[in-house]
Amino acid sequence: MLTIATRIVSEYGNILNQTDSGLYGHPDSCLPYEKSRIQEAILTVFEQLGQLRPDIRHGLIHGFVYLCQFVPDQDAALIAQGQDWLSQNNPAHTPAPGFVSESLKLINQIKANMESAMEEINLLEQKLTADS
């Protein structure tokens, strides 16, 4: 199980290395596996090696939280469209089209999901530390 989980995490890590971390909302279709499978793999590796291998601990935490950035392709396209509009226009001078508001809502949901993921992995780390 650990060998498979490690392979999944490694393949996901390769995708993260190719991703622009300054943008929100990457398409799910870029992922090598379903999000739930990647989450499970990260948690498996974290539980097995996270406390023993501090050198990979940070990467696992980052990868777990960053997975929230991957959203359905249609949402990723809407977010990209909204970010493009905002980078080219000043909303104070030009009324924003409706898709900009929708893209901002999606970004806010991503941020909330990232916070929840951080809380989840912090709780797991506390449990693992207490158990050892």
Protein backbone atom coordinates (compact mmCIF):
# COMPACT_ATOMS: atom_id res chain seq x y z
CA MET A 1 0.00 0.00 0.00
CA LEU A 2 2.79 2.43 0.88
CA THR A 3 4.57 1.75 -2.42
CA ILE A 4 1.45 2.56 -4.44
CA ALA A 5 0.71 5.63 -2.32
CA THR A 6 4.27 6.86 -2.79
CA ARG A 7 3.99 6.47 -6.56
CA ILE A 8 0.70 8.40 -6.62
CA VAL A 9 2.17 11.19 -4.49
CA SER A 10 5.25 11.33 -6.71
CA GLU A 11 3.20 11.63 -9.90
CA TYR A 12 1.04 14.32 -8.30
CA GLY A 13 4.22 16.13 -7.21
CA ASN A 14 5.39 16.19 -10.81
CA ILE A 15 2.14 17.94 -11.75
CA LEU A 16 2.58 20.46 -8.93
CA ASN A 17 6.07 21.27 -10.17
CA GLN A 18 4.58 22.24 -13.55
CA THR A 19 1.75 24.33 -12.04
CA ASP A 20 1.78 28.10 -11.60
CA SER A 21 1.33 28.49 -7.85
CA GLY A 22 0.27 32.11 -8.28
CA LEU A 23 -3.01 31.15 -9.90
CA TYR A 24 -6.16 29.74 -8.39
CA GLY A 25 -8.29 27.04 -9.95
CA HIS A 26 -6.33 24.47 -11.90
CA PRO A 27 -8.33 21.94 -13.94
CA ASP A 28 -8.94 18.53 -12.39
CA SER A 29 -8.12 16.99 -15.75
CA CYS A 30 -4.44 17.84 -15.14
CA LEU A 31 -4.30 15.45 -12.19
CA PRO A 32 -2.85 11.97 -12.73
CA TYR A 33 -5.54 10.40 -10.47
CA GLU A 34 -8.85 11.34 -8.90
CA LYS A 35 -8.50 13.92 -6.12
CA SER A 36 -9.81 11.50 -3.50
CA ARG A 37 -7.19 8.92 -4.46
CA ILE A 38 -4.41 11.51 -4.25
CA GLN A 39 -5.69 12.70 -0.85
CA GLU A 40 -5.74 9.13 0.43
CA ALA A 41 -2.22 8.53 -0.87
CA ILE A 42 -0.87 11.71 0.73
CA LEU A 43 -2.44 10.81 4.07
CA THR A 44 -1.07 7.25 3.85
CA VAL A 45 2.47 8.46 3.19
CA PHE A 46 2.10 11.16 5.85
CA GLU A 47 0.94 8.64 8.46
CA GLN A 48 3.71 6.17 7.58
CA LEU A 49 6.65 8.51 6.95
CA GLY A 50 5.69 12.05 7.95
CA GLN A 51 7.03 11.81 11.48
CA LEU A 52 10.05 9.74 10.49
CA ARG A 53 11.01 11.83 7.48
CA PRO A 54 10.73 15.53 8.29
CA ASP A 55 12.33 16.23 4.90
CA ILE A 56 9.14 15.11 3.13
CA ARG A 57 6.66 16.24 5.79
CA HIS A 58 6.43 19.82 4.49
CA GLY A 59 5.95 18.68 0.89
CA LEU A 60 3.15 16.32 1.90
CA ILE A 61 1.37 19.07 3.82
CA HIS A 62 1.79 21.50 0.92
CA GLY A 63 0.55 18.93 -1.58
CA PHE A 64 -2.48 18.03 0.55
CA VAL A 65 -3.54 21.66 0.94
CA TYR A 66 -2.72 22.61 -2.65
CA LEU A 67 -4.91 19.81 -3.97
CA CYS A 68 -7.85 22.11 -3.16
CA GLN A 69 -6.65 24.33 -6.02
CA PHE A 70 -7.74 21.68 -8.51
CA VAL A 71 -11.37 22.15 -9.47
CA PRO A 72 -13.70 20.91 -12.21
CA ASP A 73 -12.44 22.04 -15.60
CA GLN A 74 -15.42 24.34 -16.21
CA ASP A 75 -14.77 26.12 -12.89
CA ALA A 76 -11.06 26.44 -13.72
CA ALA A 77 -11.96 28.04 -17.06
CA LEU A 78 -14.33 30.50 -15.36
CA ILE A 79 -11.69 31.41 -12.76
CA ALA A 80 -9.08 31.96 -15.48
CA GLN A 81 -11.52 34.15 -17.42
CA GLY A 82 -12.23 36.22 -14.29
CA GLN A 83 -8.55 36.57 -13.42
CA ASP A 84 -7.78 37.65 -17.00
CA TRP A 85 -10.51 40.29 -16.87
CA LEU A 86 -9.30 41.61 -13.52
CA SER A 87 -5.68 41.80 -14.72
CA GLN A 88 -6.77 43.94 -17.69
CA ASN A 89 -9.44 46.12 -16.10
CA ASN A 90 -9.97 48.26 -13.04
CA PRO A 91 -13.29 47.28 -11.42
CA ALA A 92 -13.44 50.73 -9.80
CA HIS A 93 -13.72 52.29 -13.28
CA THR A 94 -15.31 49.52 -15.33
CA PRO A 95 -18.26 47.49 -14.06
CA ALA A 96 -17.28 43.84 -13.86
CA PRO A 97 -19.27 41.30 -15.88
CA GLY A 98 -21.15 38.61 -13.93
CA PHE A 99 -18.54 35.94 -14.63
CA VAL A 100 -15.99 37.92 -12.59
CA SER A 101 -18.21 37.74 -9.51
CA GLU A 102 -18.71 34.01 -10.06
CA SER A 103 -14.98 33.44 -10.45
CA LEU A 104 -14.30 35.32 -7.21
CA LYS A 105 -16.85 33.16 -5.39
CA LEU A 106 -15.05 30.06 -6.65
CA ILE A 107 -11.70 31.45 -5.52
CA ASN A 108 -13.13 32.16 -2.07
CA GLN A 109 -14.41 28.57 -1.91
CA ILE A 110 -10.96 27.29 -2.84
CA LYS A 111 -9.42 29.38 -0.06
CA ALA A 112 -11.95 28.02 2.46
CA ASN A 113 -11.25 24.46 1.29
CA MET A 114 -7.52 25.06 1.67
CA GLU A 115 -8.03 26.26 5.24
CA SER A 116 -10.10 23.15 6.01
CA ALA A 117 -7.44 20.90 4.49
CA MET A 118 -4.77 22.59 6.60
CA GLU A 119 -6.85 22.04 9.73
CA GLU A 120 -7.40 18.38 8.77
CA ILE A 121 -3.72 17.63 8.28
CA ASN A 122 -2.76 19.57 11.42
CA LEU A 123 -5.19 17.44 13.44
CA LEU A 124 -3.70 14.29 11.95
CA GLU A 125 -0.21 15.49 12.79
CA GLN A 126 -1.25 16.19 16.38
CA LYS A 127 -2.76 12.71 16.65
CA LEU A 128 0.36 11.07 15.24
CA THR A 129 2.58 13.06 17.58
CA ALA A 130 0.44 12.12 20.58
CA ASP A 131 0.46 8.43 19.57
CA SER A 132 4.24 8.26 19.27
